C-alpha atoms as a PDB file:
ATOM      1  CA  MET A   1      -0.170   0.032  -0.068  1.00  0.00           C
ATOM      2  CA  THR A   2       1.362   3.432  -0.864  1.00  0.00           C
ATOM      3  CA  PHE A   3       0.389   6.323   1.337  1.00  0.00           C
ATOM      4  CA  GLN A   4       0.263   9.739  -0.089  1.00  0.00           C
ATOM      5  CA  ALA A   5       0.019  13.324   1.414  1.00  0.00           C
ATOM      6  CA  ARG A   6      -0.280  16.823   0.115  1.00  0.00           C
ATOM      7  CA  PRO A   7      -0.769  20.153   1.924  1.00  0.00           C
ATOM      8  CA  HIS A   8      -4.574  21.017   1.736  1.00  0.00           C
ATOM      9  CA  LYS A   9      -4.736  24.703   2.966  1.00  0.00           C
ATOM     10  CA  ALA A  10      -1.751  25.676   1.258  1.00  0.00           C
ATOM     11  CA  ARG A  11      -3.099  24.081  -1.858  1.00  0.00           C
ATOM     12  CA  VAL A  12      -6.359  25.660  -1.913  1.00  0.00           C
ATOM     13  CA  ALA A  13      -4.862  28.888  -1.197  1.00  0.00           C
ATOM     14  CA  ALA A  14      -2.371  28.711  -3.985  1.00  0.00           C
ATOM     15  CA  ILE A  15      -5.282  27.552  -6.386  1.00  0.00           C
ATOM     16  CA  ALA A  16      -7.386  30.616  -5.307  1.00  0.00           C
ATOM     17  CA  VAL A  17      -4.395  33.077  -5.910  1.00  0.00           C
ATOM     18  CA  ALA A  18      -3.633  31.576  -9.414  1.00  0.00           C
ATOM     19  CA  VAL A  19      -7.253  31.815 -10.366  1.00  0.00           C
ATOM     20  CA  LEU A  20      -7.349  35.626  -9.041  1.00  0.00           C
ATOM     21  CA  PHE A  21      -4.185  36.265 -11.058  1.00  0.00           C
ATOM     22  CA  VAL A  22      -5.724  34.938 -14.379  1.00  0.00           C
ATOM     23  CA  VAL A  23      -8.911  36.761 -13.986  1.00  0.00           C
ATOM     24  CA  VAL A  24      -7.451  40.030 -12.912  1.00  0.00           C
ATOM     25  CA  PHE A  25      -4.828  40.076 -15.666  1.00  0.00           C
ATOM     26  CA  VAL A  26      -7.574  39.059 -18.226  1.00  0.00           C
ATOM     27  CA  VAL A  27      -9.901  41.572 -16.881  1.00  0.00           C
ATOM     28  CA  VAL A  28      -7.102  44.335 -17.273  1.00  0.00           C
ATOM     29  CA  ALA A  29      -6.014  43.058 -20.814  1.00  0.00           C
ATOM     30  CA  VAL A  30      -9.650  43.498 -22.265  1.00  0.00           C
ATOM     31  CA  LEU A  31     -10.053  46.877 -20.648  1.00  0.00           C
ATOM     32  CA  LEU A  32      -6.661  47.866 -21.510  1.00  0.00           C
ATOM     33  CA  ARG A  33      -7.822  48.909 -25.062  1.00  0.00           C
ATOM     34  CA  SER A  34     -10.398  51.353 -23.938  1.00  0.00           C
ATOM     35  CA  SER A  35      -7.854  53.296 -21.511  1.00  0.00           C
ATOM     36  CA  SER A  36      -8.601  57.143 -21.533  1.00  0.00           C
ATOM     37  CA  THR A  37      -4.932  57.861 -20.747  1.00  0.00           C
ATOM     38  CA  GLY A  38      -3.725  58.732 -24.078  1.00  0.00           C
ATOM     39  CA  VAL A  39      -1.476  55.866 -24.582  1.00  0.00           C
ATOM     40  CA  THR A  40      -2.388  53.461 -27.542  1.00  0.00           C
ATOM     41  CA  PHE A  41      -2.651  49.963 -26.680  1.00  0.00           C
ATOM     42  CA  TYR A  42      -2.500  47.273 -29.102  1.00  0.00           C
ATOM     43  CA  ALA A  43      -3.546  43.541 -29.145  1.00  0.00           C
ATOM     44  CA  SER A  44      -0.116  42.472 -28.541  1.00  0.00           C
ATOM     45  CA  ASP A  45      -0.191  44.568 -25.379  1.00  0.00           C
ATOM     46  CA  GLN A  46      -3.337  42.884 -24.085  1.00  0.00           C
ATOM     47  CA  VAL A  47      -2.046  39.180 -25.036  1.00  0.00           C
ATOM     48  CA  ALA A  48       1.058  40.204 -23.122  1.00  0.00           C
ATOM     49  CA  MET A  49      -1.060  41.238 -20.014  1.00  0.00           C
ATOM     50  CA  ALA A  50      -3.104  38.057 -19.953  1.00  0.00           C
ATOM     51  CA  GLY A  51       0.362  36.174 -20.517  1.00  0.00           C
ATOM     52  CA  ILE A  52       1.768  37.964 -17.389  1.00  0.00           C
ATOM     53  CA  GLY A  53      -1.426  36.672 -15.517  1.00  0.00           C
ATOM     54  CA  LEU A  54      -0.665  33.162 -16.642  1.00  0.00           C
ATOM     55  CA  VAL A  55       2.838  33.415 -15.641  1.00  0.00           C
ATOM     56  CA  LEU A  56       2.062  34.540 -12.345  1.00  0.00           C
ATOM     57  CA  ALA A  57      -0.473  31.716 -11.793  1.00  0.00           C
ATOM     58  CA  ALA A  58       2.020  29.160 -12.747  1.00  0.00           C
ATOM     59  CA  GLY A  59       4.226  30.611 -10.122  1.00  0.00           C
ATOM     60  CA  ALA A  60       1.450  30.396  -7.268  1.00  0.00           C
ATOM     61  CA  LEU A  61       0.604  26.997  -8.391  1.00  0.00           C
ATOM     62  CA  TRP A  62       4.405  25.959  -7.628  1.00  0.00           C
ATOM     63  CA  PHE A  63       3.255  26.117  -3.935  1.00  0.00           C
ATOM     64  CA  ALA A  64       0.475  23.274  -4.875  1.00  0.00           C
ATOM     65  CA  ARG A  65       3.553  20.861  -5.743  1.00  0.00           C
ATOM     66  CA  PRO A  66       4.426  19.265  -2.514  1.00  0.00           C
ATOM     67  CA  ARG A  67       3.816  15.785  -1.854  1.00  0.00           C
ATOM     68  CA  VAL A  68       5.030  12.875   0.031  1.00  0.00           C
ATOM     69  CA  ARG A  69       4.422   9.307  -0.903  1.00  0.00           C
ATOM     70  CA  ALA A  70       5.659   6.206   1.421  1.00  0.00           C
ATOM     71  CA  ASP A  71       5.488   2.572   1.165  1.00  0.00           C
ATOM     72  CA  HIS A  72       7.276  -0.244   2.826  1.00  0.00           C
ATOM     73  CA  GLU A  73      10.575   0.332   0.852  1.00  0.00           C
ATOM     74  CA  GLY A  74      10.830   4.253   1.646  1.00  0.00           C
ATOM     75  CA  VAL A  75       9.689   7.742   1.234  1.00  0.00           C
ATOM     76  CA  GLU A  76       9.442   9.869  -1.657  1.00  0.00           C
ATOM     77  CA  VAL A  77       9.281  13.640  -0.838  1.00  0.00           C
ATOM     78  CA  ARG A  78       8.759  16.395  -3.603  1.00  0.00           C
ATOM     79  CA  ASN A  79       9.292  19.812  -2.339  1.00  0.00           C
ATOM     80  CA  MET A  80       9.409  22.985  -4.359  1.00  0.00           C
ATOM     81  CA  LEU A  81      12.657  22.432  -6.155  1.00  0.00           C
ATOM     82  CA  GLY A  82      12.966  18.399  -6.525  1.00  0.00           C
ATOM     83  CA  THR A  83      11.972  15.289  -5.805  1.00  0.00           C
ATOM     84  CA  HIS A  84      14.080  12.554  -3.800  1.00  0.00           C
ATOM     85  CA  HIS A  85      13.426   9.301  -2.432  1.00  0.00           C
ATOM     86  CA  TYR A  86      14.991   7.835   0.798  1.00  0.00           C
ATOM     87  CA  ARG A  87      14.829   4.083   1.942  1.00  0.00           C
ATOM     88  CA  TRP A  88      13.600   3.625   5.449  1.00  0.00           C
ATOM     89  CA  SER A  89      17.136   2.237   6.403  1.00  0.00           C
ATOM     90  CA  ASP A  90      18.256   5.681   5.684  1.00  0.00           C
ATOM     91  CA  ILE A  91      15.895   7.566   7.799  1.00  0.00           C
ATOM     92  CA  VAL A  92      16.528   8.146  11.541  1.00  0.00           C
ATOM     93  CA  SER A  93      12.923   9.200  12.422  1.00  0.00           C
ATOM     94  CA  VAL A  94      10.013  11.094  11.205  1.00  0.00           C
ATOM     95  CA  SER A  95       9.637  14.311  13.387  1.00  0.00           C
ATOM     96  CA  PHE A  96       7.564  17.244  13.912  1.00  0.00           C
ATOM     97  CA  PRO A  97       9.450  19.703  15.845  1.00  0.00           C
ATOM     98  CA  ASP A  98       7.555  22.163  18.186  1.00  0.00           C
ATOM     99  CA  GLY A  99       6.778  25.342  16.412  1.00  0.00           C
ATOM    100  CA  SER A 100       7.874  23.809  13.171  1.00  0.00           C
ATOM    101  CA  PRO A 101       5.842  24.705  10.018  1.00  0.00           C
ATOM    102  CA  TRP A 102       6.187  21.145   8.632  1.00  0.00           C
ATOM    103  CA  ALA A 103       7.273  17.807   9.252  1.00  0.00           C
ATOM    104  CA  ARG A 104      10.805  16.606   8.560  1.00  0.00           C
ATOM    105  CA  LEU A 105      12.606  13.151   7.854  1.00  0.00           C
ATOM    106  CA  GLU A 106      15.658  13.073  10.100  1.00  0.00           C
ATOM    107  CA  LEU A 107      18.876  11.702   8.711  1.00  0.00           C
ATOM    108  CA  PRO A 108      22.270  10.537  10.315  1.00  0.00           C
ATOM    109  CA  ALA A 109      24.581  13.272  11.058  1.00  0.00           C
ATOM    110  CA  ASP A 110      22.065  15.636  12.174  1.00  0.00           C
ATOM    111  CA  GLU A 111      20.852  16.040   8.802  1.00  0.00           C
ATOM    112  CA  TYR A 112      16.941  16.423   7.758  1.00  0.00           C
ATOM    113  CA  VAL A 113      14.857  16.884   4.841  1.00  0.00           C
ATOM    114  CA  PRO A 114      11.518  19.114   5.287  1.00  0.00           C
ATOM    115  CA  ILE A 115       8.313  17.440   4.113  1.00  0.00           C
ATOM    116  CA  LEU A 116       6.376  20.512   2.928  1.00  0.00           C
ATOM    117  CA  ALA A 117       3.546  18.317   2.277  1.00  0.00           C
ATOM    118  CA  VAL A 118       2.591  18.042   5.857  1.00  0.00           C
ATOM    119  CA  GLN A 119       2.054  21.460   7.396  1.00  0.00           C
ATOM    120  CA  ALA A 120       0.931  22.279  10.839  1.00  0.00           C
ATOM    121  CA  ILE A 121      -1.656  24.529   9.515  1.00  0.00           C
ATOM    122  CA  ASP A 122      -3.309  21.508   8.281  1.00  0.00           C
ATOM    123  CA  GLY A 123      -4.247  20.331  11.688  1.00  0.00           C
ATOM    124  CA  GLU A 124      -5.733  16.992  11.972  1.00  0.00           C
ATOM    125  CA  HIS A 125      -4.716  16.147   8.354  1.00  0.00           C
ATOM    126  CA  ALA A 126      -0.990  16.644   9.429  1.00  0.00           C
ATOM    127  CA  VAL A 127      -1.586  14.408  12.470  1.00  0.00           C
ATOM    128  CA  ALA A 128      -3.008  11.833  10.420  1.00  0.00           C
ATOM    129  CA  ALA A 129      -0.089  11.938   7.769  1.00  0.00           C
ATOM    130  CA  MET A 130       2.530  11.746  10.652  1.00  0.00           C
ATOM    131  CA  ARG A 131       0.820   8.795  12.286  1.00  0.00           C
ATOM    132  CA  GLU A 132       0.841   6.916   8.983  1.00  0.00           C
ATOM    133  CA  LEU A 133       4.213   7.845   8.037  1.00  0.00           C
ATOM    134  CA  ARG A 134       5.472   6.765  11.541  1.00  0.00           C
ATOM    135  CA  ARG A 135       3.516   3.289  11.114  1.00  0.00           C
ATOM    136  CA  LEU A 136       5.052   2.648   7.907  1.00  0.00           C
ATOM    137  CA  ARG A 137       8.531   3.450   9.264  1.00  0.00           C
ATOM    138  CA  ARG A 138       7.760   1.005  12.277  1.00  0.00           C
ATOM    139  CA  GLU A 139       6.764  -1.852   9.775  1.00  0.00           C
ATOM    140  CA  ALA A 140       9.814  -1.184   7.697  1.00  0.00           C
ATOM    141  CA  ASN A 141      12.011  -1.436  10.729  1.00  0.00           C
ATOM    142  CA  ALA A 142      10.149  -4.554  12.131  1.00  0.00           C
ATOM    143  CA  ASP A 143      10.787  -6.238   8.318  1.00  0.00           C
ATOM    144  CA  ASP A 144      14.326  -5.341   8.304  1.00  0.00           C
ATOM    145  CA  ALA A 145      14.876  -6.847  11.999  1.00  0.00           C
ATOM    146  CA  ALA A 146      13.059 -10.037  11.132  1.00  0.00           C
ATOM    147  CA  SER A 147      15.088 -10.451   7.638  1.00  0.00           C
ATOM    148  CA  ARG A 148      18.548 -10.279   9.809  1.00  0.00           C
END
């Protein structure tokens, strides 16, 4: 079984902001032609204005990208800039430090990887995600111990 989690409130906010960018910039693009400023705007200016809205929307949707997937083999963490896979044997623990905005994978040598998909703002969803990640880690460690 594969477990997957994504942030809820951050995704909703990112989608809402993206839609707002597109709507505002398309409305501005449509109204741009009828401006009374004395400046002449062309169709290319309108297309560019709508294009800027789409680029800003894509940037806003980037915040909806984080995801964590876990199974008995390990954890795949997709944050803002990349996706990395970690075997359970490489993970010291899965933690959610007090005051931290998101969970993290604790690695050897005091290193850690933030899990942006499990955010404190999501409340009970984050608690359920942490329970599931910790359960999978316990099962994987028990399987490793049994195979030795």
